[in-house]
Amino acid sequence: MTAEATNIPAPKRRSLYQLDARTRRRNASETRFRAYGVAAIAFGMIALAVLLWSILGQGLSAFTQTRIAMDVTLDAAVLDKSGKRDPVELAKATTLAYGKILDQALVKQATDKGLMPEGLSAKDAAGILSKEAPAQLRRMVLDNPALIGTTVQIEALANGRIDGLLKGRVTMESAKLDSNVSPAQLVLAQNLKDAGLLAKSFNFDFITAPDASEVRPEAAGLGVAILGSLYMMMIVLVLALPIGVAASIYLEEFAAKNWFTDLIEVNIANLAAVPSIVYGILGLAVFINFAGMPQSSPLVGGLVLTLMTLPTIIIATRASLKAVPPSIKDAALGIGASKTQTVFHHVLPLAMPGIMTGTIIGMAHALGETAPLLLIGMVAFVRDYPAAPPEGFLDPAAALPVQVYNFTRRADPAFLERASGAIIVLLVFLALMNVAAILLRRKFERRW
């Protein structure tokens, strides 16, 4: 036995400083996993950069608009034949009369300065003006009748094709194939630009003006859509927050744990995953067909978005309530506080940062929804601003995501620019809401 023991080979010594095959395989696997993670993040960042570059490249030009500076003589014989400056009589002058005054002023200015191209008729020269320009001049005169009989300097809107020339969307080659503009009109626009009479400026009307018709893309704005979205978010905040928080507190702190509450919890989780268009069908059936509420109103849109946002708020609120340490509840109960006092005086204040964060994120998600709003009629063309609340909740209105959808359905290329600009506005609102959620969480968050 001693002889046999001496023949047993000694065990091979292994050093911590020398890697064996198994360790090398494990390290290689970990390196590959890290590389996969870095590649996924890089791919996501590249995709986001391409998306933002595409949207910003097409949409930033919507925040500028081409205008023509000109001196316009407001002939009293045309605009106020009675000479009494009576608002009722002044309102009888249509945009057709103002359009003739603008056309004459443009042709006269171009002729006097030698900017009129050879062979371009006065009618075609006046065609570079937007069809919205006479309406804007009329509103200006009705607001200040004292301007009648004087010569005023205005900046009239150029039409979409002339605006596209300055933004690189329209060229001489494309004008030869376009029935809405001629190369001679582009030459006139270029001459006016060289003379300093035609230029781009910041377009405030894109933020404040209502939508425009198919033939006036240069006048289309987001004013009605922004107000409609604001009204709907007000309704969602007033309804979804108290209902969602109350339901969460009851389910988490007071309800008995049995099959019925388990069924409710499962359904809440399922409702959070239901496609948004289903809520639109529900709103159409219940709020419009059954309750008889007006279509295209912010009230119906707000109610539909409230139903869609409630599961998100309930789930976020319950998670915030669970995150409060049980020791705080036990301490409050130990010194004689009731269950209600413990919840509302200790648990709820500590959970409020998470509740506010979940609410803001849920509202941001609702702000970008389009499908349910299409089913309740908010896709309609609306030019009138809704009244102030509460009457305005029942007035027809649009919404920002629906306005983007409307712009993309129209044939004029200028509306695609408007759609990208509206997406930028929507992204700004969403970014602000998410930043607000982050700041609120950091400000009120407690760490244990």
Protein backbone atom coordinates (compact mmCIF):
# COMPACT_ATOMS: atom_id res chain seq x y z
CA MET A 1 0.00 0.00 0.00
CA THR A 2 2.86 2.33 0.76
CA ALA A 3 4.42 1.55 -2.59
CA GLU A 4 1.16 2.20 -4.43
CA ALA A 5 0.66 5.53 -2.61
CA THR A 6 4.00 6.75 -3.75
CA ASN A 7 2.97 6.19 -7.37
CA ILE A 8 -0.10 8.51 -7.17
CA PRO A 9 0.62 11.68 -9.17
CA ALA A 10 0.59 14.92 -7.20
CA PRO A 11 -2.38 17.22 -7.89
CA LYS A 12 -1.77 19.97 -10.42
CA ARG A 13 -1.35 23.29 -8.75
CA ARG A 14 -3.49 26.19 -10.02
CA SER A 15 -2.58 29.82 -9.62
CA LEU A 16 -5.02 32.69 -9.23
CA TYR A 17 -2.81 34.64 -11.59
CA GLN A 18 -3.11 32.11 -14.41
CA LEU A 19 -6.45 31.83 -16.23
CA ASP A 20 -7.71 28.40 -17.13
CA ALA A 21 -9.89 27.61 -20.15
CA ARG A 22 -13.14 27.79 -18.20
CA THR A 23 -12.32 31.22 -16.77
CA ARG A 24 -11.34 32.47 -20.21
CA ARG A 25 -14.69 31.33 -21.64
CA ARG A 26 -16.57 33.01 -18.81
CA ASN A 27 -14.68 36.29 -19.24
CA ALA A 28 -15.22 36.17 -23.01
CA SER A 29 -18.95 35.63 -22.47
CA GLU A 30 -19.10 38.61 -20.12
CA THR A 31 -17.21 40.77 -22.61
CA ARG A 32 -19.60 39.79 -25.39
CA PHE A 33 -22.59 40.60 -23.19
CA ARG A 34 -21.19 44.05 -22.44
CA ALA A 35 -20.54 44.59 -26.13
CA TYR A 36 -24.14 43.63 -26.92
CA GLY A 37 -25.37 46.16 -24.37
CA VAL A 38 -23.16 48.93 -25.73
CA ALA A 39 -24.25 48.10 -29.29
CA ALA A 40 -27.92 48.21 -28.30
CA ILE A 41 -27.50 51.59 -26.63
CA ALA A 42 -25.52 52.90 -29.61
CA PHE A 43 -28.19 51.67 -32.03
CA GLY A 44 -30.92 53.33 -29.99
CA MET A 45 -29.03 56.61 -29.81
CA ILE A 46 -28.36 56.56 -33.55
CA ALA A 47 -32.01 55.83 -34.31
CA LEU A 48 -33.09 58.67 -32.00
CA ALA A 49 -30.60 61.05 -33.61
CA VAL A 50 -31.83 60.16 -37.11
CA LEU A 51 -35.44 60.65 -36.02
CA LEU A 52 -34.74 64.02 -34.43
CA TRP A 53 -32.64 65.12 -37.40
CA SER A 54 -35.48 64.22 -39.77
CA ILE A 55 -38.15 66.00 -37.71
CA LEU A 56 -36.05 69.08 -36.98
CA GLY A 57 -34.80 69.28 -40.55
CA GLN A 58 -38.33 69.37 -41.92
CA GLY A 59 -40.13 71.14 -39.09
CA LEU A 60 -37.93 74.03 -37.96
CA SER A 61 -38.75 75.95 -41.13
CA ALA A 62 -42.42 76.01 -40.05
CA PHE A 63 -41.47 78.53 -37.37
CA THR A 64 -40.49 81.07 -40.03
CA GLN A 65 -42.73 82.54 -42.71
CA THR A 66 -42.11 84.61 -45.83
CA ARG A 67 -43.75 88.05 -45.96
CA ILE A 68 -43.78 90.90 -48.46
CA ALA A 69 -43.34 94.46 -47.19
CA MET A 70 -45.45 96.96 -49.10
CA ASP A 71 -47.17 100.33 -48.78
CA VAL A 72 -50.94 99.96 -49.07
CA THR A 73 -53.35 102.85 -49.58
CA LEU A 74 -56.66 102.09 -47.91
CA ASP A 75 -59.07 103.82 -50.28
CA ALA A 76 -62.05 105.15 -48.36
CA ALA A 77 -64.19 105.12 -51.51
CA VAL A 78 -63.82 101.33 -51.62
CA LEU A 79 -63.80 100.39 -47.96
CA ASP A 80 -66.20 102.96 -46.47
CA LYS A 81 -68.51 104.44 -49.06
CA SER A 82 -70.71 106.12 -46.44
CA GLY A 83 -67.74 107.80 -44.76
CA LYS A 84 -69.26 107.31 -41.30
CA ARG A 85 -66.78 104.70 -40.09
CA ASP A 86 -69.72 102.65 -38.93
CA PRO A 87 -68.49 99.15 -37.93
CA VAL A 88 -71.57 97.57 -39.48
CA GLU A 89 -70.94 99.31 -42.80
CA LEU A 90 -67.22 98.57 -42.68
CA ALA A 91 -67.93 94.88 -42.20
CA LYS A 92 -69.76 94.84 -45.54
CA ALA A 93 -66.45 95.26 -47.37
CA THR A 94 -65.43 91.73 -48.24
CA THR A 95 -61.98 90.23 -48.54
CA LEU A 96 -62.39 90.54 -52.30
CA ALA A 97 -62.23 94.33 -52.02
CA TYR A 98 -59.19 94.15 -49.75
CA GLY A 99 -57.60 91.67 -52.13
CA LYS A 100 -57.87 94.12 -55.03
CA ILE A 101 -56.24 96.83 -52.92
CA LEU A 102 -53.36 94.51 -52.02
CA ASP A 103 -52.91 93.38 -55.62
CA GLN A 104 -52.75 96.96 -56.87
CA ALA A 105 -50.28 97.94 -54.17
CA LEU A 106 -47.96 95.02 -54.97
CA VAL A 107 -48.02 95.61 -58.73
CA LYS A 108 -47.45 99.34 -58.30
CA GLN A 109 -44.53 98.80 -55.95
CA ALA A 110 -42.89 96.22 -58.22
CA THR A 111 -43.38 98.42 -61.29
CA ASP A 112 -42.12 101.62 -59.69
CA LYS A 113 -38.96 99.90 -58.45
CA GLY A 114 -38.35 98.13 -61.75
CA LEU A 115 -38.73 94.67 -60.25
CA MET A 116 -41.46 93.38 -62.55
CA PRO A 117 -40.16 90.65 -64.90
CA GLU A 118 -40.85 91.06 -68.57
CA GLY A 119 -44.00 89.29 -69.73
CA LEU A 120 -45.49 88.83 -66.25
CA SER A 121 -49.08 90.08 -66.07
CA ALA A 122 -50.42 92.09 -63.17
CA LYS A 123 -52.75 89.23 -62.23
CA ASP A 124 -49.91 86.70 -62.12
CA ALA A 125 -47.72 89.13 -60.17
CA ALA A 126 -50.41 89.50 -57.54
CA GLY A 127 -50.63 85.71 -57.37
CA ILE A 128 -47.55 85.53 -55.17
CA LEU A 129 -49.65 86.86 -52.30
CA SER A 130 -51.37 84.46 -49.94
CA LYS A 131 -55.15 84.17 -50.08
CA GLU A 132 -55.03 84.83 -46.34
CA ALA A 133 -53.41 88.28 -46.78
CA PRO A 134 -56.69 90.12 -47.65
CA ALA A 135 -58.39 88.59 -44.60
CA GLN A 136 -55.56 89.74 -42.33
CA LEU A 137 -55.71 93.27 -43.76
CA ARG A 138 -59.49 93.33 -43.28
CA ARG A 139 -59.18 92.31 -39.63
CA MET A 140 -56.58 95.02 -39.08
CA VAL A 141 -58.85 97.69 -40.56
CA LEU A 142 -61.92 96.54 -38.63
CA ASP A 143 -59.90 96.69 -35.40
CA ASN A 144 -58.71 100.22 -36.21
CA PRO A 145 -61.08 102.04 -38.64
CA ALA A 146 -58.96 105.21 -38.37
CA LEU A 147 -56.55 103.62 -40.86
CA ILE A 148 -59.03 104.07 -43.71
CA GLY A 149 -57.94 106.81 -46.07
CA THR A 150 -54.26 106.50 -45.11
CA THR A 151 -51.28 104.67 -46.49
CA VAL A 152 -49.97 101.97 -44.17
CA GLN A 153 -46.92 99.77 -44.38
CA ILE A 154 -47.76 96.10 -43.88
CA GLU A 155 -46.07 92.76 -44.22
CA ALA A 156 -48.39 90.58 -46.27
CA LEU A 157 -48.14 86.81 -46.33
CA ALA A 158 -46.59 85.29 -49.44
CA ASN A 159 -48.18 82.12 -50.75
CA GLY A 160 -46.83 78.66 -50.02
CA ARG A 161 -44.85 78.33 -53.24
CA ILE A 162 -43.00 81.62 -52.73
CA ASP A 163 -42.36 80.61 -49.13
CA GLY A 164 -41.02 77.33 -50.45
CA LEU A 165 -38.62 79.20 -52.74
CA LEU A 166 -36.89 80.86 -49.78
CA LYS A 167 -36.83 77.56 -47.87
CA GLY A 168 -35.36 75.57 -50.73
CA ARG A 169 -38.49 73.52 -51.35
CA VAL A 170 -39.35 75.14 -54.71
CA THR A 171 -36.96 75.62 -57.64
CA MET A 172 -37.18 76.93 -61.18
CA GLU A 173 -37.24 73.37 -62.46
CA SER A 174 -40.13 72.36 -60.20
CA ALA A 175 -42.00 75.56 -61.07
CA LYS A 176 -42.06 74.55 -64.74
CA LEU A 177 -44.05 71.46 -63.77
CA ASP A 178 -46.25 73.17 -61.16
CA SER A 179 -49.59 74.69 -62.13
CA ASN A 180 -49.68 76.78 -58.93
CA VAL A 181 -46.59 78.88 -59.68
CA SER A 182 -44.61 79.99 -62.73
CA PRO A 183 -40.89 80.68 -63.18
CA ALA A 184 -41.72 84.34 -63.83
CA GLN A 185 -43.37 84.60 -60.41
CA LEU A 186 -40.26 83.10 -58.84
CA VAL A 187 -38.16 85.72 -60.66
CA LEU A 188 -40.40 88.47 -59.23
CA ALA A 189 -40.02 86.96 -55.75
CA GLN A 190 -36.26 86.83 -56.16
CA ASN A 191 -36.22 90.47 -57.28
CA LEU A 192 -38.30 91.48 -54.25
CA LYS A 193 -35.93 89.53 -52.02
CA ASP A 194 -32.87 91.24 -53.52
CA ALA A 195 -34.57 94.61 -52.97
CA GLY A 196 -35.17 93.77 -49.30
CA LEU A 197 -38.96 93.68 -49.67
CA LEU A 198 -39.42 89.93 -49.28
CA ALA A 199 -37.90 88.07 -46.36
CA LYS A 200 -38.51 85.37 -43.75
CA SER A 201 -39.36 86.22 -40.16
CA PHE A 202 -40.42 84.31 -37.06
CA ASN A 203 -43.91 82.89 -37.48
CA PHE A 204 -45.86 83.56 -34.28
CA ASP A 205 -49.06 82.68 -36.13
CA PHE A 206 -47.94 79.05 -36.34
CA ILE A 207 -48.37 78.83 -32.55
CA THR A 208 -51.47 81.02 -32.17
CA ALA A 209 -53.44 80.87 -35.44
CA PRO A 210 -56.14 78.28 -36.21
CA ASP A 211 -56.00 75.73 -38.98
CA ALA A 212 -56.33 76.85 -42.60
CA SER A 213 -57.85 75.41 -45.75
CA GLU A 214 -56.11 73.32 -48.39
CA VAL A 215 -55.18 76.39 -50.47
CA ARG A 216 -53.67 78.36 -47.56
CA PRO A 217 -50.94 76.19 -46.02
CA GLU A 218 -48.88 79.28 -45.17
CA ALA A 219 -51.65 80.43 -42.80
CA ALA A 220 -52.18 77.13 -40.94
CA GLY A 221 -51.49 77.22 -37.21
CA LEU A 222 -51.82 75.23 -34.01
CA GLY A 223 -53.78 77.66 -31.82
CA VAL A 224 -57.04 75.68 -31.67
CA ALA A 225 -55.19 72.37 -31.27
CA ILE A 226 -53.07 73.67 -28.39
CA LEU A 227 -56.15 74.98 -26.58
CA GLY A 228 -58.00 71.72 -27.19
CA SER A 229 -55.12 69.67 -25.77
CA LEU A 230 -54.87 72.01 -22.78
CA TYR A 231 -58.58 71.65 -22.01
CA MET A 232 -58.39 67.86 -22.26
CA MET A 233 -55.38 67.71 -19.94
CA MET A 234 -57.26 69.83 -17.40
CA ILE A 235 -60.14 67.35 -17.46
CA VAL A 236 -57.77 64.38 -17.18
CA LEU A 237 -55.97 65.95 -14.20
CA VAL A 238 -59.19 66.83 -12.36
CA LEU A 239 -60.76 63.40 -12.85
CA ALA A 240 -57.96 60.86 -13.12
CA LEU A 241 -55.79 62.02 -10.21
CA PRO A 242 -58.36 61.90 -7.34
CA ILE A 243 -60.11 58.79 -8.67
CA GLY A 244 -56.85 56.94 -9.29
CA VAL A 245 -55.32 57.87 -5.93
CA ALA A 246 -58.49 57.02 -4.01
CA ALA A 247 -58.80 53.62 -5.71
CA SER A 248 -55.12 52.88 -5.04
CA ILE A 249 -55.35 53.79 -1.35
CA TYR A 250 -58.40 51.61 -0.87
CA LEU A 251 -56.94 48.61 -2.69
CA GLU A 252 -53.54 48.86 -1.03
CA GLU A 253 -54.42 49.88 2.52
CA PHE A 254 -58.05 49.07 3.31
CA ALA A 255 -59.42 46.36 1.01
CA ALA A 256 -59.40 42.76 2.21
CA LYS A 257 -57.10 40.43 0.31
CA ASN A 258 -59.45 37.92 -1.32
CA TRP A 259 -60.39 36.62 -4.76
CA PHE A 260 -62.47 39.71 -5.55
CA THR A 261 -59.65 42.20 -4.98
CA ASP A 262 -57.30 39.88 -6.85
CA LEU A 263 -59.72 39.98 -9.78
CA ILE A 264 -59.78 43.79 -9.65
CA GLU A 265 -55.98 43.97 -9.60
CA VAL A 266 -55.69 41.64 -12.59
CA ASN A 267 -58.21 43.70 -14.56
CA ILE A 268 -56.41 46.94 -13.74
CA ALA A 269 -53.19 45.46 -15.07
CA ASN A 270 -55.00 44.26 -18.18
CA LEU A 271 -56.61 47.65 -18.79
CA ALA A 272 -53.17 49.25 -18.82
CA ALA A 273 -52.31 47.07 -21.83
CA VAL A 274 -55.55 47.60 -23.79
CA PRO A 275 -54.99 49.38 -27.15
CA SER A 276 -55.98 53.01 -27.00
CA ILE A 277 -58.39 52.71 -29.92
CA VAL A 278 -60.59 50.46 -27.76
CA TYR A 279 -61.10 53.40 -25.39
CA GLY A 280 -62.11 55.48 -28.41
CA ILE A 281 -64.78 52.92 -29.31
CA LEU A 282 -65.98 52.95 -25.71
CA GLY A 283 -66.15 56.76 -25.70
CA LEU A 284 -68.06 56.79 -28.98
CA ALA A 285 -70.59 54.27 -27.70
CA VAL A 286 -71.07 55.63 -24.17
CA PHE A 287 -70.37 59.36 -24.20
CA ILE A 288 -71.60 60.27 -27.69
CA ASN A 289 -74.18 57.69 -28.80
CA PHE A 290 -75.66 56.97 -25.35
CA ALA A 291 -75.09 60.16 -23.33
CA GLY A 292 -75.50 62.50 -26.32
CA MET A 293 -72.39 64.60 -25.65
CA PRO A 294 -71.14 66.79 -28.51
CA GLN A 295 -68.56 65.36 -30.89
CA SER A 296 -65.13 66.98 -31.20
CA SER A 297 -65.49 68.49 -27.73
CA PRO A 298 -62.64 68.53 -25.20
CA LEU A 299 -65.04 67.12 -22.60
CA VAL A 300 -65.52 63.85 -24.46
CA GLY A 301 -61.83 63.70 -25.34
CA GLY A 302 -60.88 64.32 -21.71
CA LEU A 303 -63.23 61.60 -20.46
CA VAL A 304 -61.83 59.06 -22.92
CA LEU A 305 -58.24 59.94 -22.01
CA THR A 306 -59.17 59.77 -18.31
CA LEU A 307 -60.32 56.17 -18.73
CA MET A 308 -57.09 55.39 -20.56
CA THR A 309 -54.87 57.09 -17.95
CA LEU A 310 -56.53 55.68 -14.81
CA PRO A 311 -54.78 52.26 -14.87
CA THR A 312 -51.37 53.93 -15.23
CA ILE A 313 -52.01 56.24 -12.27
CA ILE A 314 -53.39 53.41 -10.12
CA ILE A 315 -50.39 51.16 -10.79
CA ALA A 316 -47.89 53.97 -10.13
CA THR A 317 -49.71 55.05 -6.95
CA ARG A 318 -49.85 51.52 -5.55
CA ALA A 319 -46.14 51.07 -6.24
CA SER A 320 -45.43 54.32 -4.37
CA LEU A 321 -47.54 53.25 -1.42
CA LYS A 322 -45.75 49.89 -1.23
CA ALA A 323 -42.38 51.66 -1.27
CA VAL A 324 -43.10 53.36 2.07
CA PRO A 325 -41.29 51.33 4.80
CA PRO A 326 -43.66 49.28 6.99
CA SER A 327 -41.84 50.57 10.07
CA ILE A 328 -43.41 53.99 9.55
CA LYS A 329 -46.89 52.48 9.54
CA ASP A 330 -46.10 50.39 12.61
CA ALA A 331 -44.69 53.39 14.47
CA ALA A 332 -47.79 55.49 13.72
CA LEU A 333 -50.12 52.70 14.81
CA GLY A 334 -47.97 52.09 17.88
CA ILE A 335 -48.43 55.61 19.22
CA GLY A 336 -52.20 55.41 18.85
CA ALA A 337 -52.92 56.68 15.32
CA SER A 338 -55.87 55.17 13.55
CA LYS A 339 -55.57 53.39 10.21
CA THR A 340 -56.93 56.44 8.37
CA GLN A 341 -54.58 58.82 10.19
CA THR A 342 -51.63 56.55 9.43
CA VAL A 343 -52.45 56.50 5.71
CA PHE A 344 -53.25 60.18 5.21
CA HIS A 345 -50.78 61.71 7.68
CA HIS A 346 -47.74 59.50 7.07
CA VAL A 347 -47.96 57.07 4.16
CA LEU A 348 -49.59 59.30 1.56
CA PRO A 349 -47.26 62.31 2.01
CA LEU A 350 -44.22 60.05 1.70
CA ALA A 351 -45.66 58.40 -1.42
CA MET A 352 -46.64 61.71 -3.05
CA PRO A 353 -43.46 62.09 -5.20
CA GLY A 354 -44.12 58.76 -6.89
CA ILE A 355 -47.80 59.58 -7.27
CA MET A 356 -47.08 62.92 -8.95
CA THR A 357 -44.47 61.34 -11.21
CA GLY A 358 -46.86 58.61 -12.32
CA THR A 359 -49.62 61.14 -12.90
CA ILE A 360 -47.47 63.39 -15.06
CA ILE A 361 -46.12 60.47 -17.09
CA GLY A 362 -49.67 59.16 -17.58
CA MET A 363 -50.84 62.60 -18.75
CA ALA A 364 -47.87 62.88 -21.10
CA HIS A 365 -48.85 59.54 -22.59
CA ALA A 366 -52.45 60.74 -22.99
CA LEU A 367 -51.30 63.98 -24.61
CA GLY A 368 -49.74 62.07 -27.50
CA GLU A 369 -52.70 59.77 -28.18
CA THR A 370 -54.44 60.05 -31.55
CA ALA A 371 -56.52 56.92 -32.20
CA PRO A 372 -59.23 57.42 -29.53
CA LEU A 373 -59.64 61.08 -30.50
CA LEU A 374 -60.19 60.18 -34.15
CA LEU A 375 -63.14 57.97 -33.23
CA ILE A 376 -64.91 60.70 -31.24
CA GLY A 377 -64.75 63.19 -34.12
CA MET A 378 -61.84 65.42 -33.13
CA VAL A 379 -60.46 65.02 -36.65
CA ALA A 380 -62.92 67.64 -37.89
CA PHE A 381 -61.69 70.91 -39.41
CA VAL A 382 -62.11 73.58 -36.70
CA ARG A 383 -61.18 77.25 -37.18
CA ASP A 384 -63.00 78.86 -34.24
CA TYR A 385 -61.27 79.01 -30.88
CA PRO A 386 -63.14 77.32 -28.03
CA ALA A 387 -64.51 79.64 -25.37
CA ALA A 388 -63.06 79.93 -21.89
CA PRO A 389 -63.91 77.13 -19.43
CA PRO A 390 -66.35 75.77 -18.54
CA GLU A 391 -68.28 76.61 -21.75
CA GLY A 392 -65.22 75.86 -23.86
CA PHE A 393 -65.22 72.22 -22.73
CA LEU A 394 -68.27 71.67 -24.96
CA ASP A 395 -67.06 73.66 -27.99
CA PRO A 396 -65.53 71.87 -30.99
CA ALA A 397 -61.76 71.74 -30.83
CA ALA A 398 -58.78 69.83 -32.17
CA ALA A 399 -55.76 68.28 -30.46
CA LEU A 400 -52.06 68.40 -31.25
CA PRO A 401 -51.60 64.75 -32.34
CA VAL A 402 -54.79 64.91 -34.41
CA GLN A 403 -53.59 68.15 -36.02
CA VAL A 404 -50.40 66.36 -37.07
CA TYR A 405 -52.59 63.67 -38.65
CA ASN A 406 -54.66 66.30 -40.46
CA PHE A 407 -51.60 68.03 -41.88
CA THR A 408 -50.12 64.81 -43.23
CA ARG A 409 -53.34 63.99 -45.11
CA ARG A 410 -53.16 67.12 -47.28
CA ALA A 411 -51.52 67.24 -50.67
CA ASP A 412 -49.59 70.51 -50.52
CA PRO A 413 -45.93 69.94 -49.54
CA ALA A 414 -46.10 72.93 -47.20
CA PHE A 415 -48.43 70.95 -44.92
CA LEU A 416 -45.73 68.31 -44.42
CA GLU A 417 -43.53 71.08 -43.06
CA ARG A 418 -46.38 72.13 -40.78
CA ALA A 419 -46.83 68.54 -39.59
CA SER A 420 -43.16 68.27 -38.61
CA GLY A 421 -43.39 71.63 -36.86
CA ALA A 422 -46.42 70.43 -34.90
CA ILE A 423 -44.48 67.31 -33.89
CA ILE A 424 -41.72 69.55 -32.53
CA VAL A 425 -44.26 71.49 -30.45
CA LEU A 426 -45.75 68.23 -29.16
CA LEU A 427 -42.30 66.87 -28.28
CA VAL A 428 -41.49 70.07 -26.41
CA PHE A 429 -44.64 69.69 -24.29
CA LEU A 430 -43.86 66.01 -23.62
CA ALA A 431 -40.26 66.82 -22.70
CA LEU A 432 -41.38 69.55 -20.30
CA MET A 433 -43.83 67.20 -18.61
CA ASN A 434 -41.18 64.49 -18.20
CA VAL A 435 -38.66 67.01 -16.85
CA ALA A 436 -41.29 68.21 -14.38
CA ALA A 437 -41.82 64.61 -13.24
CA ILE A 438 -38.09 64.11 -12.69
CA LEU A 439 -37.72 67.37 -10.78
CA LEU A 440 -40.71 66.64 -8.54
CA ARG A 441 -39.36 63.21 -7.72
CA ARG A 442 -35.92 64.54 -6.85
CA LYS A 443 -37.33 67.39 -4.78
CA PHE A 444 -39.70 65.35 -2.62
CA GLU A 445 -38.04 61.93 -2.66
CA ARG A 446 -37.10 60.49 0.72
CA ARG A 447 -34.40 57.87 1.15
CA TRP A 448 -34.31 55.40 4.03
